[in-house]
N, C-alpha and C. Protein backbone atom coordinates (compact mmCIF):
# COMPACT_ATOMS: atom_id res chain seq x y z
N MET A 1 142.24 -63.74 -19.84
CA MET A 1 141.76 -64.70 -18.85
C MET A 1 140.84 -64.01 -17.85
N ASP A 2 139.94 -63.21 -18.35
CA ASP A 2 139.01 -62.53 -17.47
C ASP A 2 137.74 -63.34 -17.23
N ARG A 3 137.59 -64.45 -17.95
CA ARG A 3 136.42 -65.29 -17.70
C ARG A 3 136.60 -66.02 -16.38
N LEU A 4 135.50 -66.16 -15.63
CA LEU A 4 135.55 -66.84 -14.33
C LEU A 4 135.34 -68.34 -14.46
N LEU A 5 134.66 -68.75 -15.52
CA LEU A 5 134.28 -70.15 -15.67
C LEU A 5 134.75 -70.66 -17.03
N VAL A 6 135.52 -71.75 -17.02
CA VAL A 6 135.96 -72.39 -18.26
C VAL A 6 135.71 -73.88 -18.10
N ASP A 7 135.01 -74.47 -19.07
CA ASP A 7 134.67 -75.90 -19.00
C ASP A 7 134.03 -76.25 -17.66
N ASN A 8 133.14 -75.37 -17.19
CA ASN A 8 132.41 -75.56 -15.94
C ASN A 8 133.32 -75.59 -14.71
N GLN A 9 134.48 -74.94 -14.79
CA GLN A 9 135.39 -74.87 -13.65
C GLN A 9 135.70 -73.40 -13.34
N ILE A 10 135.76 -73.07 -12.06
CA ILE A 10 136.14 -71.73 -11.61
C ILE A 10 137.63 -71.54 -11.88
N LEU A 11 138.00 -70.40 -12.41
CA LEU A 11 139.40 -70.09 -12.66
C LEU A 11 139.97 -69.28 -11.49
N ILE A 12 141.06 -69.77 -10.95
CA ILE A 12 141.78 -69.07 -9.87
C ILE A 12 143.10 -68.60 -10.46
N LYS A 13 143.32 -67.30 -10.46
CA LYS A 13 144.57 -66.75 -10.97
C LYS A 13 145.65 -66.95 -9.92
N VAL A 14 146.83 -67.46 -10.34
CA VAL A 14 147.94 -67.73 -9.42
C VAL A 14 149.15 -66.94 -9.90
N LEU A 15 149.77 -66.20 -8.99
CA LEU A 15 150.97 -65.44 -9.28
C LEU A 15 152.14 -66.07 -8.55
N LYS A 16 153.19 -66.42 -9.29
CA LYS A 16 154.41 -66.93 -8.66
C LYS A 16 155.20 -65.74 -8.11
N LEU A 17 155.42 -65.74 -6.81
CA LEU A 17 156.20 -64.69 -6.15
C LEU A 17 157.66 -65.09 -6.02
N HIS A 18 157.95 -66.34 -6.32
CA HIS A 18 159.28 -66.90 -6.19
C HIS A 18 159.53 -67.76 -7.43
N PRO A 19 160.74 -67.70 -8.00
CA PRO A 19 160.98 -68.45 -9.24
C PRO A 19 160.81 -69.96 -9.12
N GLU A 20 160.97 -70.51 -7.93
CA GLU A 20 160.84 -71.96 -7.75
C GLU A 20 159.48 -72.37 -7.20
N ALA A 21 158.56 -71.44 -7.14
CA ALA A 21 157.22 -71.77 -6.67
C ALA A 21 156.55 -72.75 -7.63
N VAL A 22 155.71 -73.62 -7.08
CA VAL A 22 154.98 -74.61 -7.86
C VAL A 22 153.50 -74.27 -7.79
N LEU A 23 152.84 -74.26 -8.94
CA LEU A 23 151.40 -74.01 -8.94
C LEU A 23 150.70 -75.14 -8.19
N PRO A 24 149.63 -74.82 -7.44
CA PRO A 24 148.87 -75.87 -6.76
C PRO A 24 148.33 -76.88 -7.76
N THR A 25 148.36 -78.16 -7.37
CA THR A 25 147.91 -79.23 -8.25
C THR A 25 146.97 -80.18 -7.51
N ARG A 26 146.13 -80.85 -8.30
CA ARG A 26 145.29 -81.92 -7.75
C ARG A 26 146.03 -83.23 -7.94
N ALA A 27 146.04 -84.06 -6.91
CA ALA A 27 146.72 -85.35 -6.99
C ALA A 27 146.01 -86.31 -7.95
N THR A 28 144.69 -86.25 -7.96
CA THR A 28 143.88 -87.07 -8.86
C THR A 28 142.73 -86.22 -9.38
N PRO A 29 142.10 -86.61 -10.48
CA PRO A 29 140.96 -85.82 -10.98
C PRO A 29 139.82 -85.70 -9.97
N GLY A 30 139.70 -86.66 -9.06
CA GLY A 30 138.64 -86.62 -8.07
C GLY A 30 139.00 -85.92 -6.78
N SER A 31 140.21 -85.41 -6.67
CA SER A 31 140.63 -84.72 -5.43
C SER A 31 139.85 -83.44 -5.24
N ALA A 32 139.40 -83.20 -4.02
CA ALA A 32 138.67 -81.97 -3.71
C ALA A 32 139.62 -80.79 -3.62
N GLY A 33 140.84 -81.03 -3.13
CA GLY A 33 141.77 -79.94 -2.88
C GLY A 33 142.94 -79.92 -3.85
N PHE A 34 143.60 -78.77 -3.86
CA PHE A 34 144.83 -78.56 -4.62
C PHE A 34 145.99 -78.54 -3.63
N ASP A 35 147.02 -79.34 -3.88
CA ASP A 35 148.17 -79.38 -2.98
C ASP A 35 148.99 -78.11 -3.09
N LEU A 36 149.49 -77.64 -1.92
CA LEU A 36 150.41 -76.52 -1.85
C LEU A 36 151.81 -77.07 -1.60
N TYR A 37 152.81 -76.42 -2.17
CA TYR A 37 154.19 -76.91 -2.12
C TYR A 37 155.09 -75.92 -1.38
N ALA A 38 156.03 -76.45 -0.61
CA ALA A 38 157.02 -75.61 0.07
C ALA A 38 158.05 -75.11 -0.93
N ILE A 39 158.49 -73.85 -0.78
CA ILE A 39 159.53 -73.33 -1.67
C ILE A 39 160.90 -73.32 -1.01
N GLU A 40 160.95 -73.71 0.26
CA GLU A 40 162.23 -73.79 0.95
C GLU A 40 162.14 -74.86 2.02
N SER A 41 163.28 -75.39 2.41
CA SER A 41 163.31 -76.42 3.45
C SER A 41 163.08 -75.78 4.81
N ALA A 42 162.51 -76.55 5.71
CA ALA A 42 162.28 -76.08 7.08
C ALA A 42 162.23 -77.29 7.99
N GLU A 43 162.69 -77.11 9.22
CA GLU A 43 162.61 -78.18 10.21
C GLU A 43 161.44 -77.90 11.13
N LEU A 44 160.53 -78.87 11.21
CA LEU A 44 159.40 -78.77 12.12
C LEU A 44 159.79 -79.48 13.40
N LYS A 45 160.08 -78.69 14.42
CA LYS A 45 160.47 -79.27 15.71
C LYS A 45 159.21 -79.61 16.49
N PRO A 46 159.33 -80.60 17.39
CA PRO A 46 158.17 -80.93 18.22
C PRO A 46 157.69 -79.70 19.00
N LEU A 47 156.41 -79.73 19.40
CA LEU A 47 155.81 -78.62 20.14
C LEU A 47 156.79 -78.03 21.14
N PRO A 48 156.65 -76.80 21.55
CA PRO A 48 155.44 -76.00 21.54
C PRO A 48 155.26 -75.08 20.33
N GLY A 49 156.31 -74.72 19.62
CA GLY A 49 156.18 -73.70 18.59
C GLY A 49 155.73 -74.24 17.25
N GLY A 50 155.01 -73.41 16.52
CA GLY A 50 154.62 -73.73 15.16
C GLY A 50 155.63 -73.11 14.20
N THR A 51 155.57 -73.52 12.95
CA THR A 51 156.47 -73.03 11.91
C THR A 51 155.65 -72.54 10.74
N SER A 52 156.03 -71.39 10.18
CA SER A 52 155.38 -70.88 8.97
C SER A 52 156.15 -71.36 7.76
N LEU A 53 155.45 -71.98 6.84
CA LEU A 53 156.05 -72.51 5.63
C LEU A 53 155.60 -71.67 4.44
N ARG A 54 156.55 -71.28 3.59
CA ARG A 54 156.26 -70.43 2.44
C ARG A 54 155.88 -71.27 1.23
N THR A 55 154.90 -70.76 0.46
CA THR A 55 154.51 -71.41 -0.79
C THR A 55 155.01 -70.64 -2.01
N GLY A 56 155.31 -69.36 -1.85
CA GLY A 56 155.80 -68.57 -2.96
C GLY A 56 154.75 -68.19 -3.98
N ILE A 57 153.45 -68.32 -3.60
CA ILE A 57 152.38 -67.98 -4.53
C ILE A 57 151.37 -67.05 -3.87
N ALA A 58 150.69 -66.29 -4.69
CA ALA A 58 149.53 -65.48 -4.29
C ALA A 58 148.42 -65.80 -5.29
N VAL A 59 147.18 -65.55 -4.89
CA VAL A 59 146.06 -65.88 -5.77
C VAL A 59 145.10 -64.70 -5.89
N GLU A 60 144.33 -64.74 -6.96
CA GLU A 60 143.21 -63.82 -7.14
C GLU A 60 141.97 -64.68 -7.34
N LEU A 61 141.07 -64.58 -6.39
CA LEU A 61 139.84 -65.36 -6.43
C LEU A 61 138.71 -64.54 -7.03
N PRO A 62 137.80 -65.19 -7.74
CA PRO A 62 136.63 -64.47 -8.23
C PRO A 62 135.76 -64.03 -7.05
N PRO A 63 135.00 -62.95 -7.21
CA PRO A 63 134.08 -62.54 -6.14
C PRO A 63 133.15 -63.69 -5.76
N GLY A 64 132.91 -63.83 -4.46
CA GLY A 64 132.00 -64.86 -3.98
C GLY A 64 132.66 -66.19 -3.67
N TYR A 65 134.01 -66.24 -3.69
CA TYR A 65 134.72 -67.49 -3.41
C TYR A 65 135.82 -67.26 -2.38
N GLU A 66 136.20 -68.33 -1.72
CA GLU A 66 137.33 -68.36 -0.80
C GLU A 66 138.12 -69.63 -1.07
N LEU A 67 139.36 -69.66 -0.57
CA LEU A 67 140.14 -70.91 -0.52
C LEU A 67 140.27 -71.28 0.95
N GLN A 68 139.96 -72.52 1.29
CA GLN A 68 140.15 -73.01 2.65
C GLN A 68 141.45 -73.79 2.70
N VAL A 69 142.36 -73.37 3.59
CA VAL A 69 143.63 -74.08 3.78
C VAL A 69 143.38 -75.22 4.76
N ARG A 70 143.79 -76.41 4.37
CA ARG A 70 143.58 -77.60 5.19
C ARG A 70 144.84 -78.44 5.21
N GLY A 71 144.94 -79.32 6.19
CA GLY A 71 146.07 -80.23 6.27
C GLY A 71 145.95 -81.35 5.24
N ARG A 72 147.04 -82.02 5.02
CA ARG A 72 147.07 -83.20 4.16
C ARG A 72 147.06 -84.43 5.06
N SER A 73 146.23 -85.41 4.76
CA SER A 73 146.10 -86.57 5.64
C SER A 73 147.41 -87.35 5.73
N GLY A 74 148.21 -87.39 4.67
CA GLY A 74 149.49 -88.10 4.73
C GLY A 74 150.41 -87.51 5.77
N LEU A 75 150.53 -86.18 5.81
CA LEU A 75 151.37 -85.55 6.84
C LEU A 75 150.79 -85.77 8.22
N ALA A 76 149.48 -85.67 8.34
CA ALA A 76 148.84 -85.82 9.64
C ALA A 76 149.01 -87.23 10.21
N PHE A 77 148.69 -88.24 9.41
CA PHE A 77 148.71 -89.61 9.91
C PHE A 77 150.11 -90.22 9.96
N ASN A 78 150.94 -89.88 9.00
CA ASN A 78 152.28 -90.48 8.95
C ASN A 78 153.32 -89.73 9.77
N ASN A 79 153.10 -88.43 10.01
CA ASN A 79 154.12 -87.63 10.68
C ASN A 79 153.61 -86.79 11.83
N ASP A 80 152.35 -86.91 12.19
CA ASP A 80 151.77 -86.13 13.29
C ASP A 80 151.92 -84.63 13.09
N ILE A 81 151.69 -84.15 11.86
CA ILE A 81 151.77 -82.73 11.56
C ILE A 81 150.37 -82.15 11.50
N LEU A 82 150.16 -81.08 12.25
CA LEU A 82 148.88 -80.37 12.29
C LEU A 82 149.05 -79.06 11.53
N VAL A 83 148.15 -78.79 10.58
CA VAL A 83 148.18 -77.55 9.80
C VAL A 83 147.03 -76.67 10.25
N HIS A 84 147.33 -75.38 10.43
CA HIS A 84 146.30 -74.41 10.79
C HIS A 84 145.27 -74.33 9.67
N VAL A 85 144.02 -74.51 10.02
CA VAL A 85 142.93 -74.36 9.06
C VAL A 85 142.65 -72.88 8.93
N GLY A 86 142.65 -72.39 7.71
CA GLY A 86 142.44 -70.96 7.51
C GLY A 86 141.70 -70.66 6.23
N THR A 87 141.37 -69.40 6.07
CA THR A 87 140.65 -68.92 4.90
C THR A 87 141.49 -67.92 4.14
N ILE A 88 141.60 -68.11 2.84
CA ILE A 88 142.17 -67.10 1.96
C ILE A 88 140.97 -66.35 1.39
N ASP A 89 140.80 -65.11 1.81
CA ASP A 89 139.66 -64.31 1.38
C ASP A 89 139.82 -63.86 -0.07
N GLN A 90 138.69 -63.54 -0.69
CA GLN A 90 138.64 -63.13 -2.09
C GLN A 90 139.50 -61.90 -2.36
N ASP A 91 139.66 -61.01 -1.39
CA ASP A 91 140.41 -59.77 -1.62
C ASP A 91 141.86 -59.81 -1.13
N PHE A 92 142.35 -60.95 -0.64
CA PHE A 92 143.74 -61.07 -0.17
C PHE A 92 144.65 -61.33 -1.36
N ARG A 93 145.75 -60.59 -1.44
CA ARG A 93 146.69 -60.75 -2.56
C ARG A 93 148.11 -61.08 -2.10
N GLY A 94 148.30 -61.37 -0.82
CA GLY A 94 149.63 -61.68 -0.32
C GLY A 94 150.00 -63.14 -0.51
N GLU A 95 151.23 -63.46 -0.14
CA GLU A 95 151.71 -64.84 -0.25
C GLU A 95 150.93 -65.75 0.68
N ILE A 96 150.59 -66.92 0.18
CA ILE A 96 149.94 -67.94 1.01
C ILE A 96 151.01 -68.60 1.86
N LEU A 97 150.85 -68.51 3.16
CA LEU A 97 151.73 -69.17 4.12
C LEU A 97 150.96 -70.29 4.78
N VAL A 98 151.66 -71.33 5.18
CA VAL A 98 151.04 -72.46 5.87
C VAL A 98 151.68 -72.55 7.25
N ARG A 99 150.86 -72.51 8.29
CA ARG A 99 151.34 -72.63 9.67
C ARG A 99 151.16 -74.07 10.09
N ALA A 100 152.25 -74.70 10.57
CA ALA A 100 152.21 -76.13 10.91
C ALA A 100 152.85 -76.38 12.26
N TRP A 101 152.33 -77.37 12.97
CA TRP A 101 152.86 -77.81 14.26
C TRP A 101 153.21 -79.29 14.19
N ASN A 102 154.30 -79.64 14.79
CA ASN A 102 154.73 -81.03 14.87
C ASN A 102 154.26 -81.58 16.21
N LEU A 103 153.30 -82.49 16.17
CA LEU A 103 152.77 -83.11 17.39
C LEU A 103 153.53 -84.38 17.76
N GLY A 104 154.48 -84.77 16.92
CA GLY A 104 155.25 -85.98 17.16
C GLY A 104 156.41 -85.74 18.11
N ALA A 105 157.18 -86.80 18.35
CA ALA A 105 158.31 -86.73 19.28
C ALA A 105 159.61 -86.35 18.59
N GLU A 106 159.68 -86.53 17.28
CA GLU A 106 160.92 -86.29 16.53
C GLU A 106 160.75 -85.12 15.56
N PRO A 107 161.82 -84.36 15.32
CA PRO A 107 161.75 -83.30 14.30
C PRO A 107 161.47 -83.90 12.92
N LEU A 108 160.84 -83.11 12.08
CA LEU A 108 160.57 -83.52 10.70
C LEU A 108 161.09 -82.43 9.78
N VAL A 109 161.87 -82.82 8.78
CA VAL A 109 162.38 -81.85 7.83
C VAL A 109 161.45 -81.81 6.62
N ILE A 110 160.92 -80.63 6.35
CA ILE A 110 160.15 -80.38 5.13
C ILE A 110 161.15 -79.93 4.08
N LYS A 111 161.14 -80.57 2.94
CA LYS A 111 162.09 -80.23 1.88
C LYS A 111 161.42 -79.34 0.84
N LYS A 112 162.23 -78.54 0.17
CA LYS A 112 161.72 -77.71 -0.91
C LYS A 112 161.01 -78.61 -1.92
N GLY A 113 159.79 -78.25 -2.28
CA GLY A 113 159.00 -79.04 -3.22
C GLY A 113 158.05 -80.02 -2.57
N ASP A 114 158.14 -80.21 -1.24
CA ASP A 114 157.21 -81.11 -0.55
C ASP A 114 155.80 -80.52 -0.53
N ARG A 115 154.81 -81.40 -0.61
CA ARG A 115 153.42 -80.97 -0.46
C ARG A 115 153.16 -80.76 1.03
N ILE A 116 152.71 -79.57 1.39
CA ILE A 116 152.62 -79.21 2.82
C ILE A 116 151.20 -78.97 3.31
N ALA A 117 150.27 -78.74 2.42
CA ALA A 117 148.88 -78.49 2.79
C ALA A 117 148.06 -78.57 1.52
N GLN A 118 146.77 -78.30 1.64
CA GLN A 118 145.92 -78.24 0.47
C GLN A 118 144.94 -77.08 0.63
N VAL A 119 144.42 -76.63 -0.51
CA VAL A 119 143.38 -75.61 -0.50
C VAL A 119 142.18 -76.13 -1.26
N VAL A 120 141.00 -75.79 -0.75
CA VAL A 120 139.75 -76.20 -1.36
C VAL A 120 138.97 -74.94 -1.71
N ILE A 121 138.46 -74.87 -2.93
CA ILE A 121 137.66 -73.74 -3.38
C ILE A 121 136.25 -73.86 -2.79
N GLN A 122 135.78 -72.79 -2.18
CA GLN A 122 134.43 -72.80 -1.60
C GLN A 122 133.66 -71.56 -2.04
N LYS A 123 132.39 -71.76 -2.37
CA LYS A 123 131.48 -70.66 -2.68
C LYS A 123 131.04 -70.04 -1.37
N ILE A 124 131.01 -68.73 -1.34
CA ILE A 124 130.56 -68.00 -0.15
C ILE A 124 129.13 -67.53 -0.37
N ILE A 125 128.27 -67.81 0.57
CA ILE A 125 126.89 -67.34 0.51
C ILE A 125 126.83 -66.01 1.27
N PRO A 126 126.45 -64.93 0.59
CA PRO A 126 126.39 -63.64 1.30
C PRO A 126 125.41 -63.72 2.46
N GLY A 127 125.73 -63.06 3.52
CA GLY A 127 124.87 -63.07 4.70
C GLY A 127 125.00 -61.77 5.46
N GLN A 128 124.18 -61.62 6.46
CA GLN A 128 124.20 -60.43 7.28
C GLN A 128 123.83 -60.84 8.70
N MET A 129 124.54 -60.32 9.68
CA MET A 129 124.20 -60.56 11.08
C MET A 129 123.18 -59.52 11.51
N VAL A 130 122.12 -59.98 12.17
CA VAL A 130 121.04 -59.11 12.60
C VAL A 130 120.84 -59.29 14.10
N GLU A 131 120.88 -58.21 14.85
CA GLU A 131 120.65 -58.29 16.29
C GLU A 131 119.16 -58.48 16.55
N VAL A 132 118.85 -59.43 17.45
CA VAL A 132 117.46 -59.69 17.85
C VAL A 132 117.36 -59.67 19.36
N ASN A 133 116.15 -59.65 19.88
CA ASN A 133 115.93 -59.66 21.33
C ASN A 133 115.83 -61.05 21.90
N GLU A 134 115.53 -62.04 21.05
CA GLU A 134 115.46 -63.42 21.50
C GLU A 134 115.63 -64.35 20.30
N LEU A 135 115.98 -65.61 20.61
CA LEU A 135 116.14 -66.64 19.59
C LEU A 135 115.01 -67.65 19.70
N GLY A 136 114.69 -68.31 18.59
CA GLY A 136 113.67 -69.34 18.62
C GLY A 136 114.12 -70.55 19.44
N GLN A 137 113.17 -71.33 19.89
CA GLN A 137 113.45 -72.52 20.68
C GLN A 137 113.92 -73.66 19.79
N SER A 138 114.73 -74.57 20.37
CA SER A 138 115.14 -75.78 19.68
C SER A 138 115.19 -76.91 20.70
N GLU A 139 115.19 -78.14 20.24
CA GLU A 139 115.27 -79.28 21.14
C GLU A 139 116.56 -79.25 21.95
N ARG A 140 117.65 -78.86 21.33
CA ARG A 140 118.95 -78.83 21.99
C ARG A 140 119.05 -77.67 22.97
N GLY A 141 118.53 -76.53 22.61
CA GLY A 141 118.63 -75.36 23.47
C GLY A 141 120.08 -74.91 23.62
N THR A 142 120.49 -74.70 24.86
CA THR A 142 121.86 -74.22 25.12
C THR A 142 122.82 -75.35 25.46
N GLY A 143 122.38 -76.60 25.39
CA GLY A 143 123.27 -77.72 25.71
C GLY A 143 124.41 -77.83 24.72
N GLY A 144 125.60 -78.06 25.25
CA GLY A 144 126.77 -78.19 24.39
C GLY A 144 127.88 -78.91 25.11
N PHE A 145 129.00 -79.10 24.44
CA PHE A 145 130.21 -79.69 25.03
C PHE A 145 129.92 -81.00 25.74
N GLY A 146 129.36 -81.95 24.99
CA GLY A 146 129.14 -83.30 25.53
C GLY A 146 127.83 -83.49 26.24
N HIS A 147 126.89 -82.59 26.06
CA HIS A 147 125.62 -82.71 26.78
C HIS A 147 124.83 -83.94 26.37
N THR A 148 125.15 -84.56 25.22
CA THR A 148 124.42 -85.75 24.79
C THR A 148 125.01 -87.03 25.38
N GLY A 149 126.08 -86.88 26.16
CA GLY A 149 126.70 -88.04 26.78
C GLY A 149 127.74 -88.70 25.91
N GLN A 150 128.12 -88.10 24.81
CA GLN A 150 129.10 -88.69 23.91
C GLN A 150 130.41 -87.99 24.01
């Protein structure tokens, strides 16, 4: 399985670090992300503290790619759960953890096997930061944080 592309799809190698870990899956063929699953139950208490949820998996990404960790809209809208948006870099080989906060008023129990977040495969464009003495002009300039009145 050393090929990076099969049937026009990028191959992501997944290692189960826990016997009950579930490989990430797409809910539908048109889904952009792959769902991540909890390998143990956890109680998400209302703020202030966040909770780290284990997935029991590690990945090997091909060079030039990352996985973006994102929240699931069902958890967000139905349970007021916020997931830390993060990047799994191409050279990271540790367990994928999901950091979540409960913004609601009541505790929420995450059960083993629940879908807790999603990851999206993204191509990375190589770049380089270059120090300059000045930047070009733009219509916006330095205006920010609501400068358009919205």
